[in-house]
Protein backbone atom coordinates (compact mmCIF):
# COMPACT_ATOMS: atom_id res chain seq x y z
CA UNK A 1 0.00 0.00 0.00
CA UNK A 2 2.82 2.45 0.74
CA UNK A 3 4.01 2.11 -2.85
CA UNK A 4 0.50 2.85 -4.13
CA UNK A 5 0.27 5.98 -1.99
CA UNK A 6 3.66 7.18 -3.25
CA UNK A 7 2.47 6.75 -6.85
CA UNK A 8 -0.68 8.74 -6.08
CA UNK A 9 1.37 11.51 -4.46
CA UNK A 10 3.57 11.63 -7.57
CA UNK A 11 0.49 11.91 -9.80
CA UNK A 12 -0.72 14.96 -7.88
CA UNK A 13 2.77 16.44 -7.84
CA UNK A 14 2.92 16.11 -11.63
CA UNK A 15 -0.65 17.46 -11.94
CA UNK A 16 0.33 20.58 -9.98
CA UNK A 17 3.42 20.95 -12.20
CA UNK A 18 1.20 20.63 -15.33
CA UNK A 19 3.28 17.62 -16.45
CA UNK A 20 0.62 15.54 -18.20
CA UNK A 21 3.20 13.13 -19.64
CA UNK A 22 4.55 12.50 -16.13
CA UNK A 23 1.02 11.69 -14.96
CA UNK A 24 0.16 9.44 -17.88
CA UNK A 25 3.42 7.51 -17.48
CA UNK A 26 2.06 5.91 -14.30
CA UNK A 27 -1.62 5.55 -15.23
CA UNK A 28 -3.02 2.42 -16.87
CA UNK A 29 -4.02 2.81 -20.52
CA UNK A 30 -7.65 2.14 -19.54
CA UNK A 31 -7.67 4.58 -16.60
CA UNK A 32 -11.04 5.87 -15.40
CA UNK A 33 -10.71 9.34 -13.82
CA UNK A 34 -13.46 11.31 -12.06
CA UNK A 35 -14.46 14.47 -13.92
CA UNK A 36 -14.63 17.06 -11.16
CA UNK A 37 -15.61 19.93 -13.47
CA UNK A 38 -18.50 18.48 -15.45
CA UNK A 39 -19.42 15.30 -13.60
CA UNK A 40 -19.09 11.73 -14.76
CA UNK A 41 -15.82 10.07 -15.65
CA UNK A 42 -12.97 10.40 -18.15
CA UNK A 43 -11.64 7.30 -19.91
CA UNK A 44 -8.14 6.45 -21.12
CA UNK A 45 -4.98 8.48 -21.63
CA UNK A 46 -6.44 10.59 -24.44
CA UNK A 47 -9.47 11.43 -22.30
CA UNK A 48 -7.34 12.44 -19.32
CA UNK A 49 -5.02 14.52 -21.52
CA UNK A 50 -7.98 16.34 -23.10
CA UNK A 51 -9.81 16.83 -19.79
CA UNK A 52 -6.83 18.24 -17.92
CA UNK A 53 -5.87 20.42 -20.89
CA UNK A 54 -9.37 21.96 -20.83
CA UNK A 55 -9.26 22.30 -17.04
CA UNK A 56 -5.84 23.98 -17.04
CA UNK A 57 -7.00 26.39 -19.78
CA UNK A 58 -9.97 27.39 -17.61
CA UNK A 59 -8.67 27.36 -14.06
CA UNK A 60 -5.21 27.60 -12.56
CA UNK A 61 -5.87 24.83 -10.07
CA UNK A 62 -3.71 23.23 -7.40
CA UNK A 63 -4.63 20.11 -5.40
CA UNK A 64 -3.01 18.80 -2.22
CA UNK A 65 -4.09 15.27 -1.34
CA UNK A 66 -4.88 14.84 2.35
CA UNK A 67 -5.93 11.17 2.50
CA UNK A 68 -5.78 8.03 0.42
CA UNK A 69 -7.90 4.89 0.47
CA UNK A 70 -6.65 1.94 -1.56
CA UNK A 71 -9.46 -0.49 -2.34
CA UNK A 72 -9.48 -4.04 -3.58
CA UNK A 73 -8.20 -4.32 -7.11
CA UNK A 74 -7.15 -1.26 -9.08
CA UNK A 75 -9.30 1.26 -7.20
CA UNK A 76 -8.12 4.22 -5.13
CA UNK A 77 -9.91 7.17 -3.58
CA UNK A 78 -8.05 10.40 -2.95
CA UNK A 79 -9.42 13.24 -0.85
CA UNK A 80 -7.76 16.53 -1.60
CA UNK A 81 -7.93 20.20 -0.85
CA UNK A 82 -7.75 22.39 -3.88
CA UNK A 83 -8.17 25.85 -5.13
CA UNK A 84 -7.56 27.89 -8.17
CA UNK A 85 -8.08 31.02 -10.15
CA UNK A 86 -10.55 30.99 -13.01
CA UNK A 87 -9.46 32.76 -16.18
CA UNK A 88 -11.61 34.13 -18.94
CA UNK A 89 -14.55 36.46 -19.11
CA UNK A 90 -17.83 36.19 -17.28
CA UNK A 91 -21.29 37.24 -18.28
CA UNK A 92 -24.20 37.94 -16.00
CA UNK A 93 -27.21 35.62 -16.29
């Protein structure tokens, strides 16, 4: 489990550094990633690359993981604290 947690920490370190190739290097080809911006899930390396590219273009986010739960099989849950600055223009409803 310690090795799994270290991998997860590295993923978030690379996310915060905007190093998508560093993230994808340790993710399975068929990764399923939670889509925190729009809901649902993202599938595969191309999906993660596209999702994070869109996210980084919209918000300058930073996430610090605070707890990890490694489940049976290839499942992990990460609880993090994050924040960011949204870029772009806004319109009133």
